[in-house]
Amino acid sequence: MNFGLFSNGERTNKVAADTYDEDLFEVTLADRLGFKEAWISEHLGTTTTGRRDTLSVADMFIVKAAALTKQIKLGPGVRPIGMFHPVQVAIEAAMADHLTRGRYMFGFGFGGPATDGMLQRGLGSNDPKLRRERMLEALDLIMRCWTATVPFDYEGAFWQGKGINALPRPYTKPHMPVGVANSTSNGTAELAARHGFMPLFSQYDEAHHMRELHDVYVAAARDAGRELKLSTIRACRFCWVSDSTTKAKEELRPSITPALERQKRTFPYHFAKCLPPSGDVMDVTWDHIVDTGHYFVGSPDRVTELIKNHYVESGAFGTLLLVCGKDYGTRQQRARSMRLFMQEVAPRLKSLDPDRAGELEAVF
């Protein structure tokens, strides 16, 4: 198993530059600690969230982060490609691949259910079916831009062009690794399997839901005649390591409680899988989230055990992405948690290999 970050911004700074500096601190620290990759969430600054410090162009952040790091791979997690012109997306991604000398990964997706970016950009209806159709056509055109050896024409339902010659071609041949947000539909799991993309599961995907899509992914890969590698699967979880569960709870309680209250009002569906006995999302508390294991919080032993359980119950994955980009705790506490994770937790998980026969039976 490898380890990375999912920098999913949720800070409350009045100046975006301050938030970006905090994000860069975490990514550069991760590089020094030996994390293998970092996916940078791209938020469009929609009316739903209205954050003044939103990170709306992940590739610009990535090229700066690449200049400050040595080995960590970086990618947008994810670009809602149906909301941009595909040729421009292809060019920008190829440039990022060159500027990082091959440390760039391309992540794309549908965009969150609350996204109103299409309306803001004058792209018409925000209907989910239309958005998905735009995403699929954008993907087709982007892949053509990266792999075509001569200028080509394109006649799609949403985009048309003559003599398209998107330069530069990617630094990585035939193109950089591609990941796709895979938290909702079987169709996306099948898409990932057919194309050899990396499925990216969110922090809100419980193990049983991951397992359902995992099985769809496995079956689709076999139907497509592709070599199946479960190590391509990325699982994302919020992990916080301290000396004990009690100490971890108290380190985070002052900062995470108001954030939790905001999330319950704005994104109640995030907690659909961890409701308390009342069934009311407004009764979800910080203690409940930790005690039920929805967030992986506590001592190194407890966090290790929670990750192992998730690994087995979800059907296995190759890379665990730790949620960051949050102003939970202090900067020093966040850094300590990351160090403890790599020193005390990661060594007990590194030997897990989802592509090895009998791996799940051998975990415990």
Protein backbone atom coordinates (compact mmCIF):
# COMPACT_ATOMS: atom_id res chain seq x y z
CA MET A 1 0.00 0.00 0.00
CA ASN A 2 1.09 3.52 -0.78
CA PHE A 3 -0.01 6.75 0.89
CA GLY A 4 -0.97 10.16 -0.37
CA LEU A 5 -3.02 13.26 0.39
CA PHE A 6 -6.39 14.46 -0.77
CA SER A 7 -6.25 18.21 -0.23
CA ASN A 8 -9.95 19.01 -0.07
CA GLY A 9 -10.06 22.69 0.86
CA GLU A 10 -12.16 23.76 3.79
CA ARG A 11 -10.46 26.71 5.38
CA THR A 12 -12.02 30.01 6.35
CA ASN A 13 -9.37 32.57 5.46
CA LYS A 14 -10.42 35.96 4.13
CA VAL A 15 -7.41 35.99 1.78
CA ALA A 16 -7.01 33.08 -0.64
CA ALA A 17 -3.21 33.41 -0.59
CA ASP A 18 -3.19 32.45 3.10
CA THR A 19 -5.13 29.27 2.38
CA TYR A 20 -2.85 28.35 -0.51
CA ASP A 21 0.19 28.77 1.75
CA GLU A 22 -1.32 26.36 4.28
CA ASP A 23 -2.07 23.85 1.53
CA LEU A 24 1.50 24.18 0.22
CA PHE A 25 2.87 23.59 3.72
CA GLU A 26 1.02 20.29 3.94
CA VAL A 27 2.02 19.12 0.47
CA THR A 28 5.70 19.98 0.94
CA LEU A 29 5.70 18.28 4.35
CA ALA A 30 4.11 15.20 2.77
CA ASP A 31 6.90 15.17 0.17
CA ARG A 32 9.56 15.16 2.90
CA LEU A 33 7.74 12.47 4.89
CA GLY A 34 7.54 10.09 1.93
CA PHE A 35 3.91 10.36 0.82
CA LYS A 36 3.75 9.28 -2.82
CA GLU A 37 1.07 11.57 -4.24
CA ALA A 38 -1.25 14.50 -3.57
CA TRP A 39 -4.59 15.16 -5.25
CA ILE A 40 -5.71 18.78 -5.12
CA SER A 41 -9.46 19.35 -4.99
CA GLU A 42 -10.71 21.93 -7.46
CA HIS A 43 -13.68 23.95 -6.22
CA LEU A 44 -15.38 26.36 -8.57
CA GLY A 45 -16.44 28.96 -6.03
CA THR A 46 -20.12 28.28 -6.62
CA THR A 47 -22.96 30.04 -4.88
CA THR A 48 -23.51 26.95 -2.72
CA THR A 49 -20.29 27.42 -0.77
CA GLY A 50 -19.29 31.01 -1.51
CA ARG A 51 -15.79 30.61 -0.01
CA ARG A 52 -13.51 33.55 -0.75
CA ASP A 53 -10.42 31.36 -0.43
CA THR A 54 -11.59 28.57 -2.73
CA LEU A 55 -8.94 26.82 -4.84
CA SER A 56 -10.53 27.01 -8.27
CA VAL A 57 -7.61 26.15 -10.61
CA ALA A 58 -5.79 23.11 -9.30
CA ASP A 59 -3.19 22.97 -12.08
CA MET A 60 -1.81 26.41 -11.15
CA PHE A 61 -1.37 25.29 -7.56
CA ILE A 62 0.20 22.02 -8.72
CA VAL A 63 2.96 23.58 -10.79
CA LYS A 64 3.98 25.76 -7.86
CA ALA A 65 3.89 22.79 -5.48
CA ALA A 66 6.01 20.80 -7.93
CA ALA A 67 8.69 23.51 -7.79
CA LEU A 68 8.81 23.20 -3.99
CA THR A 69 8.92 19.39 -3.83
CA LYS A 70 11.15 16.60 -5.09
CA GLN A 71 9.32 13.33 -5.57
CA ILE A 72 5.61 13.57 -4.77
CA LYS A 73 3.21 13.18 -7.71
CA LEU A 74 0.43 15.73 -8.06
CA GLY A 75 -2.95 15.87 -9.74
CA PRO A 76 -6.26 17.73 -9.69
CA GLY A 77 -8.83 15.84 -7.69
CA VAL A 78 -10.81 16.52 -9.76
CA ARG A 79 -11.37 18.81 -12.74
CA PRO A 80 -15.08 18.94 -13.72
CA ILE A 81 -14.10 18.72 -17.38
CA GLY A 82 -17.59 19.23 -18.78
CA MET A 83 -17.44 22.86 -17.66
CA PHE A 84 -14.33 23.83 -19.64
CA HIS A 85 -13.29 23.70 -23.27
CA PRO A 86 -11.63 20.28 -23.66
CA VAL A 87 -8.83 21.48 -25.93
CA GLN A 88 -7.76 24.05 -23.33
CA VAL A 89 -7.96 21.43 -20.57
CA ALA A 90 -5.77 19.09 -22.63
CA ILE A 91 -3.17 21.79 -23.28
CA GLU A 92 -3.01 22.91 -19.65
CA ALA A 93 -2.67 19.34 -18.38
CA ALA A 94 0.09 18.57 -20.90
CA MET A 95 1.97 21.70 -19.84
CA ALA A 96 1.65 20.70 -16.19
CA ASP A 97 3.02 17.27 -17.10
CA HIS A 98 6.07 18.94 -18.68
CA LEU A 99 6.57 21.46 -15.87
CA THR A 100 6.54 18.64 -13.31
CA ARG A 101 8.76 16.40 -15.51
CA GLY A 102 6.24 13.59 -15.39
CA ARG A 103 5.02 13.99 -11.81
CA TYR A 104 1.58 15.06 -12.99
CA MET A 105 -1.59 12.95 -12.80
CA PHE A 106 -4.84 14.02 -14.45
CA GLY A 107 -8.00 13.68 -12.38
CA PHE A 108 -11.44 14.39 -13.78
CA GLY A 109 -15.02 14.02 -12.72
CA PHE A 110 -18.62 15.06 -12.94
CA GLY A 111 -18.54 17.78 -10.29
CA GLY A 112 -20.33 17.66 -6.97
CA PRO A 113 -24.13 17.37 -6.89
CA ALA A 114 -24.42 20.93 -5.59
CA THR A 115 -22.21 22.40 -8.32
CA ASP A 116 -23.81 25.24 -10.26
CA GLY A 117 -20.73 25.98 -12.36
CA MET A 118 -22.50 25.32 -15.66
CA LEU A 119 -25.05 28.01 -14.93
CA GLN A 120 -22.37 30.50 -13.86
CA ARG A 121 -20.43 29.86 -17.07
CA GLY A 122 -23.41 30.30 -19.34
CA LEU A 123 -23.35 26.65 -20.39
CA GLY A 124 -27.06 26.15 -20.03
CA SER A 125 -28.92 23.58 -17.98
CA ASN A 126 -27.36 22.13 -14.85
CA ASP A 127 -29.27 18.90 -15.53
CA PRO A 128 -27.17 15.91 -14.34
CA LYS A 129 -27.79 13.92 -17.54
CA LEU A 130 -26.58 16.82 -19.69
CA ARG A 131 -23.56 17.38 -17.46
CA ARG A 132 -22.57 13.72 -17.74
CA GLU A 133 -22.92 13.80 -21.53
CA ARG A 134 -20.69 16.88 -21.67
CA MET A 135 -18.14 15.19 -19.43
CA LEU A 136 -17.96 12.08 -21.61
CA GLU A 137 -17.60 14.08 -24.82
CA ALA A 138 -14.95 16.28 -23.18
CA LEU A 139 -13.01 13.18 -22.14
CA ASP A 140 -13.10 11.82 -25.68
CA LEU A 141 -11.78 15.06 -27.14
CA ILE A 142 -9.09 15.44 -24.46
CA MET A 143 -7.77 11.94 -25.13
CA ARG A 144 -7.72 12.67 -28.86
CA CYS A 145 -5.72 15.85 -28.21
CA TRP A 146 -3.11 13.91 -26.23
CA THR A 147 -2.69 10.96 -28.58
CA ALA A 148 -3.35 12.25 -32.11
CA THR A 149 -0.25 12.31 -34.29
CA VAL A 150 -1.68 14.71 -36.88
CA PRO A 151 -4.19 17.58 -36.76
CA PHE A 152 -7.76 16.32 -36.66
CA ASP A 153 -11.33 17.53 -37.00
CA TYR A 154 -13.92 17.01 -34.31
CA GLU A 155 -17.70 17.13 -34.62
CA GLY A 156 -19.42 16.56 -31.31
CA ALA A 157 -22.72 17.52 -29.77
CA PHE A 158 -21.08 20.19 -27.60
CA TRP A 159 -17.71 20.96 -29.22
CA GLN A 160 -16.54 21.18 -32.80
CA GLY A 161 -13.19 22.03 -34.30
CA LYS A 162 -11.13 21.88 -37.50
CA GLY A 163 -7.45 21.03 -37.70
CA ILE A 164 -7.10 20.59 -33.94
CA ASN A 165 -3.43 20.32 -32.97
CA ALA A 166 -3.09 20.67 -29.19
CA LEU A 167 0.53 21.34 -28.26
CA PRO A 168 2.54 20.34 -26.42
CA ARG A 169 1.76 16.64 -26.32
CA PRO A 170 2.10 15.18 -22.80
CA TYR A 171 5.58 14.63 -21.37
CA THR A 172 4.44 11.14 -20.25
CA LYS A 173 3.73 8.78 -23.13
CA PRO A 174 1.15 8.14 -24.38
CA HIS A 175 -0.31 10.38 -21.68
CA MET A 176 -0.13 10.95 -17.93
CA PRO A 177 -1.95 8.61 -15.49
CA VAL A 178 -5.66 9.41 -15.34
CA GLY A 179 -7.93 9.19 -12.31
CA VAL A 180 -11.70 9.55 -12.19
CA ALA A 181 -13.94 10.42 -9.24
CA ASN A 182 -15.94 7.26 -8.65
CA SER A 183 -18.44 7.63 -5.84
CA THR A 184 -21.85 7.45 -7.44
CA SER A 185 -22.55 5.41 -10.54
CA ASN A 186 -21.70 1.97 -11.86
CA GLY A 187 -21.16 3.64 -15.21
CA THR A 188 -18.13 5.53 -13.95
CA ALA A 189 -16.60 2.35 -12.51
CA GLU A 190 -17.10 0.67 -15.89
CA LEU A 191 -15.56 3.68 -17.66
CA ALA A 192 -12.49 3.52 -15.42
CA ALA A 193 -12.08 -0.20 -16.07
CA ARG A 194 -12.42 0.08 -19.86
CA HIS A 195 -9.82 2.86 -20.12
CA GLY A 196 -7.44 1.73 -17.38
CA PHE A 197 -8.13 4.82 -15.26
CA MET A 198 -7.57 5.02 -11.51
CA PRO A 199 -10.87 5.00 -9.55
CA LEU A 200 -10.84 7.73 -6.88
CA PHE A 201 -13.19 7.07 -3.96
CA SER A 202 -14.17 9.91 -1.67
CA GLN A 203 -13.88 10.24 2.09
CA TYR A 204 -17.63 9.71 2.41
CA ASP A 205 -17.66 6.31 0.69
CA GLU A 206 -18.17 3.65 3.33
CA ALA A 207 -16.57 0.25 2.78
CA HIS A 208 -19.72 -1.54 1.63
CA HIS A 209 -20.41 1.14 -1.00
CA MET A 210 -16.82 0.98 -2.20
CA ARG A 211 -17.13 -2.81 -2.42
CA GLU A 212 -20.17 -2.56 -4.70
CA LEU A 213 -18.37 -0.26 -7.15
CA HIS A 214 -15.15 -2.23 -6.70
CA ASP A 215 -16.93 -5.38 -7.93
CA VAL A 216 -18.36 -3.51 -10.92
CA TYR A 217 -14.85 -2.25 -11.73
CA VAL A 218 -13.37 -5.76 -11.51
CA ALA A 219 -16.06 -7.28 -13.74
CA ALA A 220 -15.81 -4.50 -16.33
CA ALA A 221 -12.01 -4.80 -16.52
CA ARG A 222 -12.30 -8.51 -17.20
CA ASP A 223 -15.01 -7.97 -19.82
CA ALA A 224 -12.74 -5.44 -21.54
CA GLY A 225 -9.83 -7.89 -21.52
CA ARG A 226 -7.69 -5.56 -19.43
CA GLU A 227 -5.14 -6.75 -16.92
CA LEU A 228 -6.76 -6.17 -13.56
CA LYS A 229 -4.73 -4.21 -11.01
CA LEU A 230 -6.52 -3.35 -7.79
CA SER A 231 -3.50 -1.26 -6.86
CA THR A 232 -4.88 1.45 -9.17
CA ILE A 233 -7.78 2.06 -6.73
CA ARG A 234 -7.46 5.10 -4.44
CA ALA A 235 -9.42 5.25 -1.19
CA CYS A 236 -9.76 8.51 0.71
CA ARG A 237 -10.30 8.83 4.47
CA PHE A 238 -9.93 11.44 7.17
CA CYS A 239 -7.15 10.18 9.47
CA TRP A 240 -5.84 11.86 12.60
CA VAL A 241 -3.16 10.22 14.72
CA SER A 242 -2.40 11.23 18.28
CA ASP A 243 -1.41 9.52 21.53
CA SER A 244 -4.96 8.32 22.27
CA THR A 245 -8.49 8.63 20.97
CA THR A 246 -9.40 10.95 23.83
CA LYS A 247 -6.49 13.26 23.12
CA ALA A 248 -7.20 13.23 19.39
CA LYS A 249 -10.84 14.18 19.99
CA GLU A 250 -9.89 17.11 22.20
CA GLU A 251 -7.18 18.34 19.82
CA LEU A 252 -9.75 18.69 17.07
CA ARG A 253 -12.95 19.48 18.96
CA PRO A 254 -12.66 23.33 19.02
CA SER A 255 -12.04 23.63 15.28
CA ILE A 256 -13.94 20.68 13.84
CA THR A 257 -17.23 21.23 15.70
CA PRO A 258 -18.15 24.50 13.88
CA ALA A 259 -17.02 22.97 10.58
CA LEU A 260 -19.23 19.96 11.26
CA GLU A 261 -22.23 22.20 11.91
CA ARG A 262 -21.65 23.98 8.58
CA GLN A 263 -21.37 20.69 6.72
CA LYS A 264 -24.59 19.32 8.24
CA ARG A 265 -26.49 22.35 6.96
CA THR A 266 -24.83 22.60 3.54
CA PHE A 267 -24.02 18.97 2.67
CA PRO A 268 -26.27 16.76 4.81
CA TYR A 269 -25.82 13.83 2.40
CA HIS A 270 -22.17 13.57 3.53
CA PHE A 271 -23.44 11.99 6.74
CA ALA A 272 -26.09 9.69 5.29
CA LYS A 273 -23.96 6.64 6.09
CA CYS A 274 -23.26 7.53 9.73
CA LEU A 275 -26.55 8.72 11.17
CA PRO A 276 -27.17 8.30 14.92
CA PRO A 277 -30.12 6.23 16.25
CA SER A 278 -32.46 9.22 15.82
CA GLY A 279 -31.86 9.17 12.07
CA ASP A 280 -31.54 12.97 12.12
CA VAL A 281 -28.42 14.40 10.50
CA MET A 282 -28.54 17.37 12.87
CA ASP A 283 -27.88 14.94 15.76
CA VAL A 284 -24.52 13.89 14.27
CA THR A 285 -21.79 14.93 16.71
CA TRP A 286 -18.02 14.90 16.66
CA ASP A 287 -17.93 12.11 19.24
CA HIS A 288 -20.39 10.04 17.20
CA ILE A 289 -18.27 10.38 14.03
CA VAL A 290 -15.14 9.24 15.87
CA ASP A 291 -16.75 6.50 17.97
CA THR A 292 -18.43 4.89 14.95
CA GLY A 293 -15.18 4.92 12.99
CA HIS A 294 -16.55 7.17 10.24
CA TYR A 295 -13.37 9.21 10.67
CA PHE A 296 -10.18 7.29 11.45
CA VAL A 297 -9.12 9.11 14.61
CA GLY A 298 -7.07 7.96 17.59
CA SER A 299 -3.86 6.23 18.58
CA PRO A 300 -1.60 4.59 15.99
CA ASP A 301 -3.04 1.19 16.95
CA ARG A 302 -6.64 2.29 16.49
CA VAL A 303 -6.03 4.10 13.19
CA THR A 304 -4.12 1.09 11.85
CA GLU A 305 -6.98 -1.23 12.76
CA LEU A 306 -9.60 1.02 11.17
CA ILE A 307 -7.62 1.19 7.92
CA LYS A 308 -7.15 -2.58 7.81
CA ASN A 309 -10.87 -3.12 8.31
CA HIS A 310 -11.66 -0.64 5.55
CA TYR A 311 -9.14 -2.35 3.25
CA VAL A 312 -10.72 -5.77 3.70
CA GLU A 313 -14.38 -4.72 3.69
CA SER A 314 -13.97 -2.50 0.61
CA GLY A 315 -12.29 -5.22 -1.44
CA ALA A 316 -8.77 -3.71 -1.24
CA PHE A 317 -7.07 -0.67 -2.75
CA GLY A 318 -3.54 0.38 -3.63
CA THR A 319 -3.26 3.89 -2.21
CA LEU A 320 -4.81 5.47 0.87
CA LEU A 321 -5.31 9.22 0.56
CA LEU A 322 -5.42 11.18 3.81
CA VAL A 323 -7.82 14.11 3.82
CA CYS A 324 -6.10 17.44 4.42
CA GLY A 325 -6.63 21.05 3.40
CA LYS A 326 -8.66 21.68 6.56
CA ASP A 327 -8.00 24.10 9.40
CA TYR A 328 -8.61 21.34 11.93
CA GLY A 329 -6.31 21.68 14.92
CA THR A 330 -3.22 23.87 14.66
CA ARG A 331 -0.57 23.70 11.97
CA GLN A 332 1.76 22.05 14.47
CA GLN A 333 -0.86 19.45 15.40
CA ARG A 334 -1.57 18.68 11.76
CA ALA A 335 2.13 18.22 11.10
CA ARG A 336 2.49 15.94 14.13
CA SER A 337 -0.44 13.81 13.03
CA MET A 338 1.10 13.36 9.57
CA ARG A 339 4.47 12.45 11.06
CA LEU A 340 2.93 9.96 13.48
CA PHE A 341 1.02 8.41 10.60
CA MET A 342 4.14 7.83 8.54
CA GLN A 343 6.22 6.72 11.51
CA GLU A 344 3.73 4.55 13.42
CA VAL A 345 0.91 3.56 11.05
CA ALA A 346 2.31 3.37 7.52
CA PRO A 347 5.02 0.77 8.31
CA ARG A 348 2.31 -1.64 9.48
CA LEU A 349 0.37 -1.27 6.23
CA LYS A 350 3.02 -0.94 3.54
CA SER A 351 3.21 -4.70 2.94
CA LEU A 352 -0.45 -4.88 1.90
CA ASP A 353 -0.59 -5.66 -1.80
CA PRO A 354 -4.08 -5.89 -3.35
CA ASP A 355 -2.69 -7.55 -6.48
CA ARG A 356 -1.21 -10.45 -4.51
CA ALA A 357 -3.30 -13.61 -4.39
CA GLY A 358 -4.80 -14.29 -0.99
CA GLU A 359 -4.01 -10.81 0.28
CA LEU A 360 -7.32 -10.15 2.00
CA GLU A 361 -7.24 -13.43 3.88
CA ALA A 362 -3.72 -12.66 5.12
CA VAL A 363 -4.34 -9.14 6.40
CA PHE A 364 -5.13 -10.19 9.95
